[in-house]
Amino acid sequence: MIHERKIIRLQDFDYSRPKDYFVTIEPDNKKYLFSKIIDGEIILNKTGRIIDEQWKWLFDQYPYIKIDEYVIMPDHIHGIIRILPKSYDDCADDGAYIGKNVREALEPPSGQRAGLDPPVHLGHNHQNRLDLSHIIGAFKTTSSKKIHFAGYSDFKWKRSFNDRILRDNELGMKREYIRNNPLKK
């Protein structure tokens, strides 16, 4: 009997569309910790620094996504990935970006992490846009290779990841959750 894989993504939803996505990614085996938390402060180890480097790499690699809050906990990573509209005139079906400058609409509040500005040629972006699963796949693949090269040859990520498509009123709550997550440990 063939084991049927459980589908955890929202059916009939285009995960490449401009939205904010909250993701949680875990290793397959909790043997490899990424950090430790001392008095609410995260101290990354070698594996954690590789994960941090590759998370940031994603946003350099794909100009149509923007970095936002993220945290590398001892045994998982939480992050917000913001997929940008293709152009200033392109907006989500719910009208989230109507009448707003894309850069202004997607900037996190001051003092928070922010990725590179979207390219000036937004209206002429001919690069194929990956969906969220492929973006996370690129992160997992590149970080795994670097972690293996660092001497942890049996490290691997869980096969999937958890995501939540954020509604307009949830972005601030998820940012706060990420910032406060280390204080809970």
Protein backbone atom coordinates (compact mmCIF):
# COMPACT_ATOMS: atom_id res chain seq x y z
CA MET A 1 0.00 0.00 0.00
CA ILE A 2 1.32 3.43 -0.92
CA HIS A 3 1.27 5.97 1.90
CA GLU A 4 -0.69 9.03 0.84
CA ARG A 5 1.03 12.29 1.78
CA LYS A 6 -1.02 14.67 3.90
CA ILE A 7 -1.60 18.03 2.15
CA ILE A 8 -1.29 20.89 4.62
CA ARG A 9 -1.50 23.86 2.23
CA LEU A 10 -4.76 25.66 1.53
CA GLN A 11 -6.26 24.05 -1.55
CA ASP A 12 -6.88 26.26 -4.61
CA PHE A 13 -4.81 29.13 -3.19
CA ASP A 14 -1.99 30.67 -5.23
CA TYR A 15 0.96 30.83 -2.83
CA SER A 16 2.90 33.07 -5.23
CA ARG A 17 0.41 35.93 -4.90
CA PRO A 18 1.25 39.10 -2.97
CA LYS A 19 0.57 38.29 0.66
CA ASP A 20 2.29 38.06 4.02
CA TYR A 21 3.02 34.52 5.18
CA PHE A 22 4.01 33.38 8.68
CA VAL A 23 6.12 30.23 8.50
CA THR A 24 7.58 27.79 11.00
CA ILE A 25 10.33 25.43 9.90
CA GLU A 26 11.72 22.60 12.01
CA PRO A 27 14.59 20.14 11.72
CA ASP A 28 13.75 16.49 11.25
CA ASN A 29 15.70 15.60 14.36
CA LYS A 30 16.03 17.90 17.38
CA LYS A 31 19.59 16.61 17.80
CA TYR A 32 20.90 19.75 16.09
CA LEU A 33 20.01 22.85 18.03
CA PHE A 34 20.37 26.23 16.34
CA SER A 35 20.72 28.49 19.35
CA LYS A 36 20.40 28.80 23.07
CA ILE A 37 18.44 31.42 24.95
CA ILE A 38 19.98 33.16 27.92
CA ASP A 39 17.87 35.75 29.73
CA GLY A 40 15.65 36.18 26.68
CA GLU A 41 18.61 36.72 24.33
CA ILE A 42 19.26 34.33 21.46
CA ILE A 43 22.83 33.09 21.06
CA LEU A 44 23.26 31.40 17.68
CA ASN A 45 25.61 28.45 17.35
CA LYS A 46 27.38 27.41 14.13
CA THR A 47 24.25 25.82 12.67
CA GLY A 48 22.14 28.80 13.71
CA ARG A 49 24.54 31.23 12.03
CA ILE A 50 24.31 29.24 8.78
CA ILE A 51 20.50 29.29 9.02
CA ASP A 52 20.57 33.05 9.66
CA GLU A 53 22.87 33.60 6.67
CA GLN A 54 20.69 31.50 4.35
CA TRP A 55 17.45 33.11 5.55
CA LYS A 56 18.88 36.51 4.61
CA TRP A 57 20.19 35.06 1.33
CA LEU A 58 16.61 34.24 0.29
CA PHE A 59 15.70 37.91 0.22
CA ASP A 60 18.78 38.84 -1.79
CA GLN A 61 18.13 35.97 -4.20
CA TYR A 62 14.47 36.70 -4.87
CA PRO A 63 13.74 40.43 -5.30
CA TYR A 64 9.97 39.92 -5.16
CA ILE A 65 10.03 38.86 -1.51
CA LYS A 66 10.78 41.07 1.46
CA ILE A 67 12.27 40.10 4.78
CA ASP A 68 10.38 40.92 7.93
CA GLU A 69 10.59 39.68 11.51
CA TYR A 70 12.12 36.27 12.10
CA VAL A 71 13.62 34.38 15.00
CA ILE A 72 15.91 31.37 15.13
CA MET A 73 14.89 29.43 18.21
CA PRO A 74 16.85 26.44 19.54
CA ASP A 75 14.77 23.90 17.61
CA HIS A 76 12.81 25.86 14.96
CA ILE A 77 12.64 29.08 13.00
CA HIS A 78 9.69 31.46 12.73
CA GLY A 79 9.59 34.07 10.01
CA ILE A 80 7.36 36.34 7.99
CA ILE A 81 7.81 36.24 4.23
CA ARG A 82 6.20 39.07 2.31
CA ILE A 83 5.59 38.36 -1.38
CA LEU A 84 5.48 41.68 -3.20
CA PRO A 85 3.13 42.69 -5.99
CA LYS A 86 4.56 42.41 -9.51
CA SER A 87 4.09 46.15 -10.07
CA TYR A 88 2.63 49.21 -8.44
CA ASP A 89 -0.67 48.52 -10.19
CA ASP A 90 -0.77 44.87 -9.18
CA CYS A 91 -2.63 44.29 -5.96
CA ALA A 92 -4.04 41.36 -4.07
CA ASP A 93 -7.63 40.37 -4.79
CA ASP A 94 -8.62 41.81 -1.42
CA GLY A 95 -7.23 45.23 -2.45
CA ALA A 96 -4.50 45.24 0.18
CA TYR A 97 -2.12 47.39 -1.88
CA ILE A 98 -4.54 49.61 -3.79
CA GLY A 99 -3.44 53.24 -3.86
CA LYS A 100 -0.23 52.63 -1.97
CA ASN A 101 3.37 52.83 -2.99
CA VAL A 102 4.58 49.19 -2.81
CA ARG A 103 7.71 50.08 -0.86
CA GLU A 104 5.79 52.16 1.70
CA ALA A 105 2.99 49.63 2.05
CA LEU A 106 5.38 46.79 2.77
CA GLU A 107 7.89 48.48 5.07
CA PRO A 108 7.85 47.11 8.59
CA PRO A 109 7.58 49.68 11.38
CA SER A 110 10.83 51.53 12.02
CA GLY A 111 13.53 49.67 13.86
CA GLN A 112 12.47 46.28 12.55
CA ARG A 113 14.27 44.13 10.06
CA ALA A 114 13.74 45.08 6.46
CA GLY A 115 15.13 43.56 3.28
CA LEU A 116 16.37 45.24 0.21
CA ASP A 117 13.96 47.61 -1.47
CA PRO A 118 12.07 46.07 -4.36
CA PRO A 119 13.81 46.77 -7.67
CA VAL A 120 13.01 50.07 -9.34
CA HIS A 121 11.91 48.14 -12.44
CA LEU A 122 9.05 46.41 -10.61
CA GLY A 123 6.74 46.79 -13.58
CA HIS A 124 9.28 45.04 -15.80
CA ASN A 125 10.25 42.15 -13.54
CA HIS A 126 10.57 39.18 -15.89
CA GLN A 127 11.94 36.78 -13.32
CA ASN A 128 9.75 33.76 -12.70
CA ARG A 129 8.14 34.03 -9.29
CA LEU A 130 8.39 31.01 -7.04
CA ASP A 131 5.55 30.14 -4.71
CA LEU A 132 6.02 29.90 -0.95
CA SER A 133 6.79 26.16 -0.98
CA HIS A 134 9.56 26.63 -3.53
CA ILE A 135 10.99 29.61 -1.63
CA ILE A 136 11.12 27.54 1.57
CA GLY A 137 12.55 24.65 -0.47
CA ALA A 138 15.39 26.90 -1.68
CA PHE A 139 16.10 27.91 1.93
CA LYS A 140 16.10 24.30 3.13
CA THR A 141 18.28 23.05 0.29
CA THR A 142 20.94 25.75 0.54
CA SER A 143 21.05 25.76 4.34
CA SER A 144 21.24 21.94 4.46
CA LYS A 145 24.16 21.90 2.03
CA LYS A 146 26.06 24.47 4.09
CA ILE A 147 25.26 22.66 7.36
CA HIS A 148 26.48 19.37 5.83
CA PHE A 149 29.66 21.11 4.64
CA ALA A 150 30.17 22.39 8.22
CA GLY A 151 30.41 18.77 9.38
CA TYR A 152 26.84 17.84 10.28
CA SER A 153 26.28 15.38 7.44
CA ASP A 154 23.11 13.80 8.83
CA PHE A 155 21.24 17.08 9.38
CA LYS A 156 17.94 17.44 7.55
CA TRP A 157 14.77 19.51 7.75
CA LYS A 158 11.30 18.09 8.27
CA ARG A 159 9.70 17.35 4.94
CA SER A 160 7.22 20.22 5.10
CA PHE A 161 6.66 23.43 7.08
CA ASN A 162 3.78 25.21 8.75
CA ASP A 163 2.37 28.37 7.27
CA ARG A 164 -0.35 30.89 7.88
CA ILE A 165 -1.60 33.34 5.29
CA LEU A 166 -1.81 36.55 7.30
CA ARG A 167 -4.88 38.74 7.22
CA ASP A 168 -4.34 42.50 7.37
CA ASN A 169 -4.89 42.67 11.13
CA GLU A 170 -2.57 39.73 11.93
CA LEU A 171 0.79 41.08 10.75
CA GLY A 172 1.44 43.12 13.90
CA MET A 173 0.37 40.25 16.15
CA LYS A 174 2.73 37.80 14.43
CA ARG A 175 5.61 40.28 14.58
CA GLU A 176 5.02 40.63 18.32
CA TYR A 177 4.79 36.84 18.71
CA ILE A 178 8.16 36.42 16.97
CA ARG A 179 9.82 39.15 19.08
CA ASN A 180 8.45 37.69 22.31
CA ASN A 181 9.09 34.02 21.49
CA PRO A 182 12.57 33.92 23.09
CA LEU A 183 11.14 35.35 26.34
CA LYS A 184 8.86 32.31 26.67
CA LYS A 185 11.74 29.82 26.94
